[in-house]
Amino acid sequence: MRTLTPALLRHHAGAKSYWRGLTYRDSVVDLVVRSRHVDATVVGADAYRVSLAWEDTHLAGSCSCPYGAQGFFCKHCVAVGLVLLDRGLTVPAPDAEDAELRARLGELEHAELVELLYERACADRALYDAVMRVRG
């Protein structure tokens, strides 16, 4: 089930980071709910980039702060989640239509698309296999 709640944020962050995140809600700026994820900046000792997204039924958070860079769900992720809840928003479902991405891809030149896809497919075996299966 994909429901953003304070309890879920506390579960992912732990008690200490959750309570610290409560104090950072006013530091959340540039909050943007995208088609499949949420991006924000949280200003603390520095300006940290935060992203929240669902991975299947698991809430995933990433942050550019030192603690978040180690893979932890930090106080900045908590703050962004709490601001979403305060505003009556949530993290979009991972299978939502990504109209923004589709539109941006439509704006790219053919050569740019080929190069972008080539670079990603070289690094991602599943994408490579998918591309090789496509019949044009």
N, C-alpha and C. Protein backbone atom coordinates (compact mmCIF):
# COMPACT_ATOMS: atom_id res chain seq x y z
N MET A 1 0.84 -1.18 0.00
CA MET A 1 0.00 0.00 0.00
C MET A 1 0.89 1.24 0.00
N ARG A 2 0.50 2.26 -0.76
CA ARG A 2 1.30 3.49 -0.89
C ARG A 2 0.57 4.65 -0.24
N THR A 3 0.70 4.79 1.05
CA THR A 3 0.08 5.90 1.74
C THR A 3 1.14 6.62 2.57
N LEU A 4 1.37 7.87 2.27
CA LEU A 4 2.32 8.67 3.02
C LEU A 4 1.68 9.09 4.34
N THR A 5 2.33 8.77 5.44
CA THR A 5 1.84 9.14 6.77
C THR A 5 3.02 9.55 7.64
N PRO A 6 2.77 10.29 8.71
CA PRO A 6 3.86 10.59 9.65
C PRO A 6 4.47 9.31 10.21
N ALA A 7 3.66 8.30 10.47
CA ALA A 7 4.18 7.04 11.01
C ALA A 7 5.14 6.37 10.02
N LEU A 8 4.82 6.43 8.74
CA LEU A 8 5.71 5.85 7.73
C LEU A 8 7.03 6.61 7.68
N LEU A 9 6.96 7.93 7.74
CA LEU A 9 8.19 8.74 7.75
C LEU A 9 9.05 8.41 8.97
N ARG A 10 8.40 8.27 10.11
CA ARG A 10 9.13 7.93 11.35
C ARG A 10 9.75 6.55 11.24
N HIS A 11 9.03 5.62 10.65
CA HIS A 11 9.54 4.25 10.47
C HIS A 11 10.80 4.25 9.61
N HIS A 12 10.78 5.01 8.50
CA HIS A 12 11.94 5.03 7.60
C HIS A 12 13.12 5.80 8.18
N ALA A 13 12.84 6.84 8.91
CA ALA A 13 13.92 7.70 9.40
C ALA A 13 14.45 7.30 10.77
N GLY A 14 13.61 6.69 11.57
CA GLY A 14 13.99 6.45 12.97
C GLY A 14 13.56 7.65 13.80
N ALA A 15 13.47 7.45 15.09
CA ALA A 15 12.93 8.49 15.98
C ALA A 15 13.76 9.78 15.95
N LYS A 16 15.08 9.66 16.03
CA LYS A 16 15.93 10.87 16.10
C LYS A 16 15.81 11.72 14.83
N SER A 17 15.95 11.11 13.67
CA SER A 17 15.84 11.87 12.42
C SER A 17 14.43 12.40 12.21
N TYR A 18 13.44 11.62 12.63
CA TYR A 18 12.05 12.09 12.49
C TYR A 18 11.84 13.37 13.31
N TRP A 19 12.23 13.36 14.56
CA TRP A 19 12.01 14.53 15.41
C TRP A 19 12.83 15.73 14.92
N ARG A 20 14.01 15.47 14.41
CA ARG A 20 14.81 16.56 13.85
C ARG A 20 14.15 17.10 12.57
N GLY A 21 13.54 16.20 11.79
CA GLY A 21 12.84 16.61 10.57
C GLY A 21 11.67 17.52 10.85
N LEU A 22 11.02 17.31 11.99
CA LEU A 22 9.90 18.18 12.38
C LEU A 22 10.34 19.65 12.45
N THR A 23 11.57 19.88 12.87
CA THR A 23 12.05 21.25 13.03
C THR A 23 12.53 21.87 11.71
N TYR A 24 12.59 21.07 10.64
CA TYR A 24 13.08 21.56 9.35
C TYR A 24 11.96 21.85 8.35
N ARG A 25 10.71 21.72 8.76
CA ARG A 25 9.61 21.94 7.82
C ARG A 25 9.63 23.33 7.20
N ASP A 26 9.99 24.34 7.98
CA ASP A 26 10.03 25.71 7.45
C ASP A 26 11.24 25.94 6.54
N SER A 27 12.15 24.98 6.48
CA SER A 27 13.35 25.09 5.65
C SER A 27 13.18 24.47 4.27
N VAL A 28 12.00 23.90 4.01
CA VAL A 28 11.74 23.27 2.71
C VAL A 28 11.36 24.36 1.70
N VAL A 29 12.11 24.43 0.62
CA VAL A 29 11.85 25.39 -0.46
C VAL A 29 11.85 24.63 -1.79
N ASP A 30 11.33 25.26 -2.81
CA ASP A 30 11.34 24.69 -4.16
C ASP A 30 10.72 23.30 -4.20
N LEU A 31 9.64 23.08 -3.51
CA LEU A 31 8.96 21.79 -3.50
C LEU A 31 8.16 21.63 -4.81
N VAL A 32 8.45 20.57 -5.54
CA VAL A 32 7.78 20.31 -6.81
C VAL A 32 7.32 18.86 -6.82
N VAL A 33 6.01 18.66 -6.98
CA VAL A 33 5.47 17.31 -7.13
C VAL A 33 5.47 17.01 -8.62
N ARG A 34 6.30 16.08 -9.01
CA ARG A 34 6.41 15.70 -10.42
C ARG A 34 5.47 14.52 -10.70
N SER A 35 5.52 14.00 -11.90
CA SER A 35 4.62 12.92 -12.28
C SER A 35 4.81 11.66 -11.45
N ARG A 36 6.07 11.33 -11.11
CA ARG A 36 6.35 10.08 -10.41
C ARG A 36 7.18 10.25 -9.15
N HIS A 37 7.56 11.46 -8.82
CA HIS A 37 8.36 11.68 -7.62
C HIS A 37 8.20 13.13 -7.16
N VAL A 38 8.82 13.43 -6.04
CA VAL A 38 8.80 14.78 -5.48
C VAL A 38 10.24 15.25 -5.36
N ASP A 39 10.50 16.48 -5.77
CA ASP A 39 11.81 17.11 -5.60
C ASP A 39 11.66 18.33 -4.71
N ALA A 40 12.67 18.60 -3.91
CA ALA A 40 12.65 19.79 -3.06
C ALA A 40 14.08 20.15 -2.67
N THR A 41 14.22 21.34 -2.17
CA THR A 41 15.47 21.78 -1.55
C THR A 41 15.16 22.07 -0.09
N VAL A 42 16.05 21.63 0.78
CA VAL A 42 15.92 21.92 2.20
C VAL A 42 17.17 22.68 2.61
N VAL A 43 16.96 23.87 3.15
CA VAL A 43 18.09 24.72 3.52
C VAL A 43 18.39 24.53 5.00
N GLY A 44 19.56 23.99 5.26
CA GLY A 44 20.04 23.78 6.63
C GLY A 44 21.43 24.39 6.72
N ALA A 45 22.41 23.58 7.10
CA ALA A 45 23.79 24.05 7.09
C ALA A 45 24.22 24.37 5.66
N ASP A 46 23.54 23.76 4.71
CA ASP A 46 23.75 23.97 3.29
C ASP A 46 22.39 23.78 2.62
N ALA A 47 22.33 23.94 1.33
CA ALA A 47 21.09 23.67 0.60
C ALA A 47 21.17 22.24 0.07
N TYR A 48 20.28 21.37 0.53
CA TYR A 48 20.31 19.96 0.17
C TYR A 48 19.17 19.62 -0.76
N ARG A 49 19.46 18.82 -1.79
CA ARG A 49 18.46 18.36 -2.75
C ARG A 49 17.86 17.06 -2.24
N VAL A 50 16.55 17.02 -2.18
CA VAL A 50 15.81 15.86 -1.67
C VAL A 50 14.86 15.35 -2.74
N SER A 51 14.74 14.04 -2.83
CA SER A 51 13.78 13.42 -3.73
C SER A 51 13.07 12.30 -2.98
N LEU A 52 11.76 12.23 -3.12
CA LEU A 52 10.96 11.15 -2.54
C LEU A 52 10.21 10.46 -3.68
N ALA A 53 10.19 9.14 -3.64
CA ALA A 53 9.49 8.36 -4.67
C ALA A 53 9.10 7.00 -4.09
N TRP A 54 8.09 6.40 -4.69
CA TRP A 54 7.72 5.04 -4.32
C TRP A 54 8.52 4.08 -5.19
N GLU A 55 9.08 3.08 -4.59
CA GLU A 55 9.70 1.97 -5.30
C GLU A 55 8.85 0.76 -4.94
N ASP A 56 7.97 0.37 -5.84
CA ASP A 56 6.91 -0.60 -5.56
C ASP A 56 6.06 -0.04 -4.43
N THR A 57 6.01 -0.70 -3.28
CA THR A 57 5.23 -0.19 -2.15
C THR A 57 6.12 0.45 -1.09
N HIS A 58 7.41 0.60 -1.38
CA HIS A 58 8.39 1.12 -0.42
C HIS A 58 8.67 2.60 -0.72
N LEU A 59 8.59 3.45 0.29
CA LEU A 59 8.93 4.86 0.12
C LEU A 59 10.44 5.00 0.15
N ALA A 60 10.99 5.59 -0.89
CA ALA A 60 12.43 5.81 -0.98
C ALA A 60 12.71 7.30 -0.94
N GLY A 61 13.73 7.67 -0.21
CA GLY A 61 14.16 9.06 -0.14
C GLY A 61 15.63 9.16 -0.43
N SER A 62 16.01 10.21 -1.12
CA SER A 62 17.43 10.48 -1.34
C SER A 62 17.68 11.94 -1.01
N CYS A 63 18.86 12.20 -0.48
CA CYS A 63 19.22 13.56 -0.08
C CYS A 63 20.70 13.75 -0.31
N SER A 64 21.08 14.97 -0.66
CA SER A 64 22.49 15.26 -0.92
C SER A 64 23.28 15.60 0.35
N CYS A 65 22.62 15.56 1.52
CA CYS A 65 23.35 15.81 2.77
C CYS A 65 24.28 14.63 3.05
N PRO A 66 25.29 14.82 3.92
CA PRO A 66 26.22 13.71 4.20
C PRO A 66 25.53 12.43 4.69
N TYR A 67 24.52 12.55 5.54
CA TYR A 67 23.82 11.38 6.07
C TYR A 67 22.99 10.71 4.96
N GLY A 68 22.30 11.51 4.18
CA GLY A 68 21.51 10.99 3.07
C GLY A 68 22.38 10.37 1.99
N ALA A 69 23.55 10.94 1.75
CA ALA A 69 24.47 10.41 0.74
C ALA A 69 24.96 9.01 1.10
N GLN A 70 24.84 8.65 2.37
CA GLN A 70 25.20 7.30 2.81
C GLN A 70 24.04 6.32 2.64
N GLY A 71 22.92 6.81 2.12
CA GLY A 71 21.78 5.95 1.86
C GLY A 71 20.71 5.96 2.94
N PHE A 72 20.85 6.85 3.92
CA PHE A 72 19.88 6.90 5.01
C PHE A 72 18.73 7.84 4.67
N PHE A 73 17.56 7.55 5.21
CA PHE A 73 16.38 8.41 5.10
C PHE A 73 16.53 9.47 6.19
N CYS A 74 16.98 10.65 5.81
CA CYS A 74 17.42 11.67 6.76
C CYS A 74 16.31 12.63 7.18
N LYS A 75 16.67 13.55 8.05
CA LYS A 75 15.72 14.56 8.55
C LYS A 75 15.19 15.44 7.43
N HIS A 76 15.98 15.65 6.38
CA HIS A 76 15.54 16.48 5.25
C HIS A 76 14.44 15.76 4.47
N CYS A 77 14.57 14.43 4.30
CA CYS A 77 13.51 13.64 3.66
C CYS A 77 12.24 13.70 4.50
N VAL A 78 12.40 13.61 5.81
CA VAL A 78 11.25 13.69 6.72
C VAL A 78 10.56 15.05 6.56
N ALA A 79 11.34 16.12 6.55
CA ALA A 79 10.78 17.47 6.44
C ALA A 79 9.97 17.61 5.16
N VAL A 80 10.49 17.11 4.04
CA VAL A 80 9.77 17.20 2.77
C VAL A 80 8.46 16.39 2.86
N GLY A 81 8.52 15.19 3.42
CA GLY A 81 7.32 14.38 3.58
C GLY A 81 6.28 15.07 4.44
N LEU A 82 6.72 15.69 5.52
CA LEU A 82 5.77 16.38 6.40
C LEU A 82 5.15 17.60 5.74
N VAL A 83 5.93 18.33 4.95
CA VAL A 83 5.37 19.48 4.22
C VAL A 83 4.34 19.01 3.20
N LEU A 84 4.63 17.90 2.53
CA LEU A 84 3.63 17.35 1.62
C LEU A 84 2.32 17.09 2.35
N LEU A 85 2.42 16.41 3.49
CA LEU A 85 1.22 16.11 4.28
C LEU A 85 0.52 17.38 4.75
N ASP A 86 1.30 18.37 5.20
CA ASP A 86 0.72 19.65 5.65
C ASP A 86 -0.07 20.32 4.53
N ARG A 87 0.37 20.14 3.29
CA ARG A 87 -0.28 20.77 2.13
C ARG A 87 -1.36 19.89 1.49
N GLY A 88 -1.59 18.73 2.08
CA GLY A 88 -2.59 17.82 1.53
C GLY A 88 -2.13 17.12 0.27
N LEU A 89 -0.83 17.00 0.11
CA LEU A 89 -0.24 16.36 -1.07
C LEU A 89 0.37 15.02 -0.68
N THR A 90 0.85 14.29 -1.68
CA THR A 90 1.50 13.02 -1.40
C THR A 90 2.55 12.75 -2.48
N VAL A 91 3.25 11.65 -2.33
CA VAL A 91 4.22 11.21 -3.33
C VAL A 91 3.43 10.45 -4.39
N PRO A 92 3.56 10.83 -5.67
CA PRO A 92 2.78 10.18 -6.71
C PRO A 92 3.13 8.70 -6.87
N ALA A 93 2.19 7.94 -7.40
CA ALA A 93 2.41 6.52 -7.66
C ALA A 93 3.49 6.35 -8.73
N PRO A 94 4.29 5.29 -8.63
CA PRO A 94 5.38 5.10 -9.60
C PRO A 94 4.90 4.75 -11.00
N ASP A 95 3.66 4.33 -11.14
CA ASP A 95 3.16 3.96 -12.45
C ASP A 95 2.30 5.07 -13.07
N ALA A 96 2.34 6.26 -12.49
CA ALA A 96 1.57 7.38 -13.03
C ALA A 96 2.15 7.79 -14.39
N GLU A 97 1.29 8.31 -15.24
CA GLU A 97 1.75 8.80 -16.54
C GLU A 97 2.70 9.97 -16.30
N ASP A 98 3.85 9.94 -16.92
CA ASP A 98 4.84 11.00 -16.77
C ASP A 98 4.79 11.91 -18.00
N ALA A 99 3.78 12.76 -18.02
CA ALA A 99 3.56 13.65 -19.16
C ALA A 99 4.73 14.61 -19.35
N GLU A 100 5.31 15.06 -18.24
CA GLU A 100 6.44 15.99 -18.32
C GLU A 100 7.63 15.35 -19.04
N LEU A 101 7.94 14.10 -18.68
CA LEU A 101 9.05 13.39 -19.33
C LEU A 101 8.73 13.13 -20.80
N ARG A 102 7.52 12.69 -21.08
CA ARG A 102 7.13 12.41 -22.46
C ARG A 102 7.26 13.68 -23.32
N ALA A 103 6.83 14.80 -22.80
CA ALA A 103 6.91 16.06 -23.55
C ALA A 103 8.37 16.46 -23.78
N ARG A 104 9.20 16.31 -22.75
CA ARG A 104 10.61 16.69 -22.89
C ARG A 104 11.32 15.81 -23.91
N LEU A 105 11.03 14.50 -23.88
CA LEU A 105 11.63 13.60 -24.86
C LEU A 105 11.19 13.97 -26.27
N GLY A 106 9.95 14.41 -26.42
CA GLY A 106 9.45 14.82 -27.73
C GLY A 106 10.15 16.05 -28.27
N GLU A 107 10.74 16.85 -27.39
CA GLU A 107 11.44 18.07 -27.80
C GLU A 107 12.88 17.82 -28.23
N LEU A 108 13.43 16.66 -27.86
CA LEU A 108 14.84 16.38 -28.16
C LEU A 108 15.04 15.99 -29.62
N GLU A 109 16.20 16.33 -30.14
CA GLU A 109 16.58 15.93 -31.49
C GLU A 109 16.86 14.43 -31.50
N HIS A 110 16.69 13.80 -32.66
CA HIS A 110 16.90 12.36 -32.80
C HIS A 110 18.28 11.94 -32.31
N ALA A 111 19.32 12.66 -32.72
CA ALA A 111 20.70 12.31 -32.33
C ALA A 111 20.89 12.39 -30.81
N GLU A 112 20.24 13.38 -30.18
CA GLU A 112 20.32 13.49 -28.71
C GLU A 112 19.66 12.29 -28.04
N LEU A 113 18.51 11.87 -28.55
CA LEU A 113 17.82 10.71 -28.00
C LEU A 113 18.66 9.45 -28.15
N VAL A 114 19.25 9.26 -29.32
CA VAL A 114 20.07 8.08 -29.56
C VAL A 114 21.24 8.06 -28.59
N GLU A 115 21.92 9.16 -28.43
CA GLU A 115 23.09 9.22 -27.54
C GLU A 115 22.69 8.97 -26.09
N LEU A 116 21.60 9.59 -25.65
CA LEU A 116 21.12 9.41 -24.29
C LEU A 116 20.74 7.95 -24.02
N LEU A 117 20.00 7.36 -24.93
CA LEU A 117 19.60 5.97 -24.77
C LEU A 117 20.80 5.03 -24.84
N TYR A 118 21.73 5.30 -25.73
CA TYR A 118 22.94 4.49 -25.84
C TYR A 118 23.72 4.48 -24.53
N GLU A 119 23.95 5.67 -23.95
CA GLU A 119 24.70 5.77 -22.69
C GLU A 119 24.01 4.98 -21.58
N ARG A 120 22.70 5.12 -21.48
CA ARG A 120 21.97 4.43 -20.41
C ARG A 120 21.93 2.92 -20.64
N ALA A 121 21.74 2.50 -21.89
CA ALA A 121 21.66 1.07 -22.20
C ALA A 121 23.00 0.38 -21.98
N CYS A 122 24.09 1.10 -22.19
CA CYS A 122 25.41 0.51 -21.93
C CYS A 122 25.60 0.22 -20.44
N ALA A 123 24.98 1.00 -19.59
CA ALA A 123 25.13 0.86 -18.14
C ALA A 123 24.02 0.05 -17.49
N ASP A 124 22.96 -0.27 -18.23
CA ASP A 124 21.79 -0.94 -17.66
C ASP A 124 21.43 -2.13 -18.53
N ARG A 125 21.76 -3.33 -18.05
CA ARG A 125 21.56 -4.55 -18.84
C ARG A 125 20.09 -4.77 -19.22
N ALA A 126 19.17 -4.49 -18.30
CA ALA A 126 17.75 -4.68 -18.61
C ALA A 126 17.31 -3.74 -19.74
N LEU A 127 17.78 -2.50 -19.71
CA LEU A 127 17.45 -1.56 -20.78
C LEU A 127 18.09 -2.01 -22.08
N TYR A 128 19.33 -2.45 -22.02
CA TYR A 128 20.02 -2.97 -23.21
C TYR A 128 19.21 -4.10 -23.85
N ASP A 129 18.79 -5.06 -23.02
CA ASP A 129 18.01 -6.20 -23.52
C ASP A 129 16.69 -5.74 -24.12
N ALA A 130 16.03 -4.77 -23.47
CA ALA A 130 14.77 -4.25 -24.00
C ALA A 130 14.96 -3.59 -25.35
N VAL A 131 16.02 -2.81 -25.50
CA VAL A 131 16.29 -2.14 -26.77
C VAL A 131 16.57 -3.18 -27.84
N MET A 132 17.33 -4.22 -27.52
CA MET A 132 17.68 -5.22 -28.50
C MET A 132 16.47 -6.06 -28.93
N ARG A 133 15.43 -6.14 -28.10
CA ARG A 133 14.22 -6.89 -28.44
C ARG A 133 13.26 -6.09 -29.32
N VAL A 134 13.38 -4.77 -29.33
CA VAL A 134 12.44 -3.93 -30.08
C VAL A 134 12.66 -4.14 -31.58
N ARG A 135 11.57 -4.33 -32.27
CA ARG A 135 11.60 -4.46 -33.73
C ARG A 135 11.07 -3.18 -34.34
N GLY A 136 11.88 -2.53 -35.18
CA GLY A 136 11.47 -1.24 -35.73
C GLY A 136 10.91 -1.26 -37.06
